[in-house]
Amino acid sequence: RPSQKHANQVLDTDVRKIIYNGSEIPEEKRQIIAARYAAKAYASIMLNPDRKFVAATILKITDKIEEKPVLAHYNMVNDADKSGVSFGGIFSYNLNDTYGLVSNENRIKECKIALAGTVGQKVLGFDFVAYPKDEMEALTIARRVVFNGQDEKMLPRKVREEKGLEAYLLVEKCRQEMYDLLTAHKDNYAKLVDLLQRRKIIRASDIKQCFEMEDFDLIEDY
């Protein structure tokens, strides 16, 4: 009978497209990558959005997928370059089919998680690192909240500009709240960064065990 470890490895390679065998990441880069994805993982756990955290990695990931995964609600966040390979990613799973039914409260949580990587690195002193894709994701989410289903093209220019500024301010508010959260939990966050560096892949169950979270709403293994 296949073990859970074997099942996780199959998911890692076939669904998450994690590359186990590859060049070793230099220590200074490994720490920065771990800081980014540990922040996203920690934010996902603390904010508890609809999309539940499953795993994070600092290993290489490829987006060269011959067939799309059957699970359309299985989500991977990473920044693949033109070669289709990137270092690191975070994985989450939507428990409910909420396409088109996402609350603004949950969108704001997702906005904060998008910003968590950059914010977390700043908390640990890596503020020279920036991720434009994370910033664009956060702004896109904020605009969805502010425009609330309205067609931007149908609105007067002045209204579009006002709402655009409102979305920008919402992003900055989320950034500050994320900074406050990670600063308040800096010790735990730093502990998670260290764990991710050492293990290269961490799962929700690892974090639950690490922080002794008994009432932690997670997917035990997927």
Protein backbone atom coordinates (compact mmCIF):
# COMPACT_ATOMS: atom_id res chain seq x y z
CA ARG A 1 0.00 0.00 0.00
CA PRO A 2 1.46 3.42 -0.97
CA SER A 3 2.46 5.55 2.00
CA GLN A 4 1.39 9.17 2.50
CA LYS A 5 5.00 10.18 1.86
CA HIS A 6 4.89 8.45 -1.53
CA ALA A 7 1.52 10.07 -2.30
CA ASN A 8 2.92 13.50 -1.46
CA GLN A 9 5.92 12.93 -3.72
CA VAL A 10 3.62 11.98 -6.60
CA LEU A 11 1.59 15.15 -6.03
CA ASP A 12 4.79 17.20 -5.79
CA THR A 13 6.16 15.98 -9.10
CA ASP A 14 2.99 15.37 -11.15
CA VAL A 15 0.63 18.11 -9.95
CA ARG A 16 2.80 20.75 -8.32
CA LYS A 17 5.60 20.19 -10.87
CA ILE A 18 8.33 20.46 -8.25
CA ILE A 19 11.79 19.47 -9.49
CA TYR A 20 13.51 17.47 -6.75
CA ASN A 21 16.79 16.99 -8.60
CA GLY A 22 18.47 20.23 -9.51
CA SER A 23 21.33 22.57 -8.71
CA GLU A 24 21.66 23.62 -5.09
CA ILE A 25 20.42 27.12 -4.31
CA PRO A 26 23.15 29.45 -2.94
CA GLU A 27 22.60 30.09 0.77
CA GLU A 28 21.92 33.83 0.45
CA LYS A 29 19.30 33.25 -2.26
CA ARG A 30 17.80 30.29 -0.41
CA GLN A 31 17.17 32.50 2.61
CA ILE A 32 15.46 35.19 0.51
CA ILE A 33 13.25 32.69 -1.34
CA ALA A 34 12.36 30.98 1.94
CA ALA A 35 11.50 34.34 3.50
CA ARG A 36 9.12 35.10 0.65
CA TYR A 37 7.18 31.85 0.62
CA ALA A 38 7.24 31.31 4.38
CA ALA A 39 5.58 34.73 4.70
CA LYS A 40 2.86 33.73 2.23
CA ALA A 41 2.37 30.44 4.06
CA TYR A 42 2.20 32.08 7.48
CA ALA A 43 -0.18 34.77 6.20
CA SER A 44 -2.42 32.07 4.69
CA ILE A 45 -2.60 30.30 8.02
CA MET A 46 -3.17 33.38 10.16
CA LEU A 47 -5.76 34.97 7.85
CA ASN A 48 -7.52 31.66 7.07
CA PRO A 49 -8.98 32.52 3.63
CA ASP A 50 -11.32 30.26 1.65
CA ARG A 51 -8.31 28.86 -0.18
CA LYS A 52 -6.48 26.69 2.35
CA PHE A 53 -2.71 26.43 2.48
CA VAL A 54 -1.33 23.02 1.52
CA ALA A 55 2.40 23.35 0.94
CA ALA A 56 5.29 25.67 0.13
CA THR A 57 8.69 25.00 -1.41
CA ILE A 58 11.94 26.70 -2.34
CA LEU A 59 12.77 24.03 -4.91
CA LYS A 60 12.49 24.61 -8.66
CA ILE A 61 9.04 24.46 -10.21
CA THR A 62 8.23 24.13 -13.89
CA ASP A 63 5.04 25.32 -15.57
CA LYS A 64 5.73 23.20 -18.66
CA ILE A 65 2.61 21.08 -18.27
CA GLU A 66 1.54 18.79 -21.09
CA GLU A 67 -1.95 18.33 -19.68
CA LYS A 68 -3.78 20.68 -17.35
CA PRO A 69 -4.42 19.28 -13.86
CA VAL A 70 -7.89 17.79 -13.39
CA LEU A 71 -8.33 19.84 -10.23
CA ALA A 72 -9.03 23.31 -11.54
CA HIS A 73 -9.40 24.62 -8.00
CA TYR A 74 -5.90 23.48 -7.05
CA ASN A 75 -3.80 26.60 -7.02
CA MET A 76 -0.07 27.25 -7.48
CA VAL A 77 1.63 30.61 -7.02
CA ASN A 78 5.10 31.07 -8.49
CA ASP A 79 6.93 33.32 -10.94
CA ALA A 80 8.23 31.18 -13.78
CA ASP A 81 10.67 32.85 -16.14
CA LYS A 82 10.66 32.43 -19.93
CA SER A 83 12.19 28.96 -19.54
CA GLY A 84 9.16 27.91 -17.52
CA VAL A 85 11.26 27.26 -14.40
CA SER A 86 11.25 29.23 -11.17
CA PHE A 87 12.52 28.85 -7.62
CA GLY A 88 9.83 28.41 -5.01
CA GLY A 89 6.06 28.39 -4.82
CA ILE A 90 3.07 28.15 -2.53
CA PHE A 91 0.16 25.77 -3.05
CA SER A 92 -3.40 26.05 -1.83
CA TYR A 93 -6.70 24.31 -2.33
CA ASN A 94 -10.16 25.82 -2.55
CA LEU A 95 -12.50 23.77 -0.38
CA ASN A 96 -15.60 25.19 -2.02
CA ASP A 97 -16.53 25.97 -5.60
CA THR A 98 -16.66 29.72 -5.06
CA TYR A 99 -15.87 30.89 -8.57
CA GLY A 100 -17.65 34.18 -8.97
CA LEU A 101 -18.92 34.05 -5.39
CA VAL A 102 -15.88 35.37 -3.55
CA SER A 103 -16.66 37.84 -0.78
CA ASN A 104 -14.81 41.13 -0.55
CA GLU A 105 -13.64 40.09 2.91
CA ASN A 106 -11.93 37.06 1.41
CA ARG A 107 -10.52 39.10 -1.48
CA ILE A 108 -8.87 41.43 1.02
CA LYS A 109 -7.28 38.43 2.71
CA GLU A 110 -5.95 37.25 -0.66
CA CYS A 111 -4.60 40.76 -1.30
CA LYS A 112 -2.66 40.62 1.95
CA ILE A 113 -1.29 37.17 1.12
CA ALA A 114 -0.14 38.43 -2.29
CA LEU A 115 1.82 41.19 -0.54
CA ALA A 116 3.13 38.98 2.27
CA GLY A 117 6.28 37.85 0.47
CA THR A 118 7.67 41.35 -0.07
CA VAL A 119 6.47 42.54 3.34
CA GLY A 120 7.97 39.53 5.12
CA GLN A 121 11.34 40.08 3.51
CA LYS A 122 11.24 43.68 4.70
CA VAL A 123 10.47 42.51 8.25
CA LEU A 124 13.61 40.36 8.08
CA GLY A 125 15.72 43.06 6.43
CA PHE A 126 15.50 42.00 2.78
CA ASP A 127 13.69 45.14 1.64
CA PHE A 128 15.81 45.39 -1.54
CA VAL A 129 13.86 42.50 -3.08
CA ALA A 130 10.72 43.32 -5.07
CA TYR A 131 8.16 41.15 -6.87
CA PRO A 132 6.17 43.10 -9.50
CA LYS A 133 3.83 40.13 -10.11
CA ASP A 134 2.83 40.11 -6.44
CA GLU A 135 2.17 43.85 -6.57
CA MET A 136 0.06 43.51 -9.72
CA GLU A 137 -1.90 40.62 -8.20
CA ALA A 138 -2.63 42.67 -5.08
CA LEU A 139 -3.74 45.69 -7.11
CA THR A 140 -5.94 43.55 -9.36
CA ILE A 141 -7.66 42.07 -6.31
CA ALA A 142 -8.06 45.52 -4.72
CA ARG A 143 -9.68 46.86 -7.90
CA ARG A 144 -12.17 43.98 -7.84
CA VAL A 145 -13.09 44.96 -4.30
CA VAL A 146 -13.43 48.66 -5.07
CA PHE A 147 -15.27 48.38 -8.40
CA ASN A 148 -17.41 45.55 -6.95
CA GLY A 149 -18.52 44.08 -10.28
CA GLN A 150 -18.92 47.40 -12.11
CA ASP A 151 -17.57 47.64 -15.64
CA GLU A 152 -14.77 50.20 -15.46
CA LYS A 153 -15.23 51.16 -19.10
CA MET A 154 -18.83 52.18 -18.44
CA LEU A 155 -17.94 54.58 -15.63
CA PRO A 156 -17.08 58.29 -16.07
CA ARG A 157 -13.36 59.02 -16.14
CA LYS A 158 -13.46 60.92 -12.84
CA VAL A 159 -15.14 57.97 -11.11
CA ARG A 160 -12.58 55.54 -12.56
CA GLU A 161 -9.74 57.72 -11.29
CA GLU A 162 -11.30 58.03 -7.83
CA LYS A 163 -11.85 54.30 -7.57
CA GLY A 164 -8.36 53.63 -8.93
CA LEU A 165 -6.93 55.75 -6.11
CA GLU A 166 -9.19 53.95 -3.63
CA ALA A 167 -7.79 50.61 -4.85
CA TYR A 168 -4.22 51.87 -4.45
CA LEU A 169 -4.96 53.04 -0.90
CA LEU A 170 -6.54 49.66 -0.13
CA VAL A 171 -3.34 47.92 -1.26
CA GLU A 172 -1.28 50.17 1.00
CA LYS A 173 -3.65 49.49 3.91
CA CYS A 174 -3.30 45.73 3.33
CA ARG A 175 0.48 46.11 3.13
CA GLN A 176 0.62 47.93 6.47
CA GLU A 177 -1.67 45.40 8.17
CA MET A 178 0.44 42.55 6.78
CA TYR A 179 3.59 44.27 8.07
CA ASP A 180 2.00 44.68 11.51
CA LEU A 181 0.96 41.01 11.57
CA LEU A 182 4.35 39.60 10.57
CA THR A 183 6.18 42.00 12.88
CA ALA A 184 3.98 40.93 15.80
CA HIS A 185 4.72 37.27 14.99
CA LYS A 186 8.31 37.80 13.82
CA ASP A 187 9.75 34.98 15.94
CA ASN A 188 7.30 32.41 14.59
CA TYR A 189 7.73 33.72 11.06
CA ALA A 190 11.53 33.50 11.31
CA LYS A 191 11.16 29.96 12.67
CA LEU A 192 9.08 29.04 9.62
CA VAL A 193 11.68 30.56 7.28
CA ASP A 194 14.33 28.38 8.91
CA LEU A 195 12.12 25.30 8.63
CA LEU A 196 11.49 25.91 4.93
CA GLN A 197 15.21 26.41 4.26
CA ARG A 198 16.08 23.13 5.95
CA ARG A 199 13.28 20.95 4.58
CA LYS A 200 12.88 22.69 1.18
CA ILE A 201 9.21 21.61 1.19
CA ILE A 202 6.83 22.22 4.10
CA ARG A 203 3.20 21.15 4.39
CA ALA A 204 0.29 22.35 6.47
CA SER A 205 0.76 19.43 8.86
CA ASP A 206 4.43 20.42 9.38
CA ILE A 207 3.38 23.92 10.41
CA LYS A 208 0.67 22.63 12.71
CA GLN A 209 3.24 20.43 14.43
CA CYS A 210 5.90 23.15 14.50
CA PHE A 211 3.64 25.66 16.26
CA GLU A 212 1.52 23.11 18.17
CA MET A 213 -1.72 24.40 16.65
CA GLU A 214 -4.49 22.12 17.83
CA ASP A 215 -7.48 23.95 16.33
CA PHE A 216 -5.78 24.74 13.04
CA ASP A 217 -8.18 24.56 10.06
CA LEU A 218 -6.11 22.80 7.42
CA ILE A 219 -6.04 20.08 4.86
CA GLU A 220 -3.96 17.41 6.56
CA ASP A 221 -2.52 15.91 3.39
CA TYR A 222 -3.14 16.62 -0.25
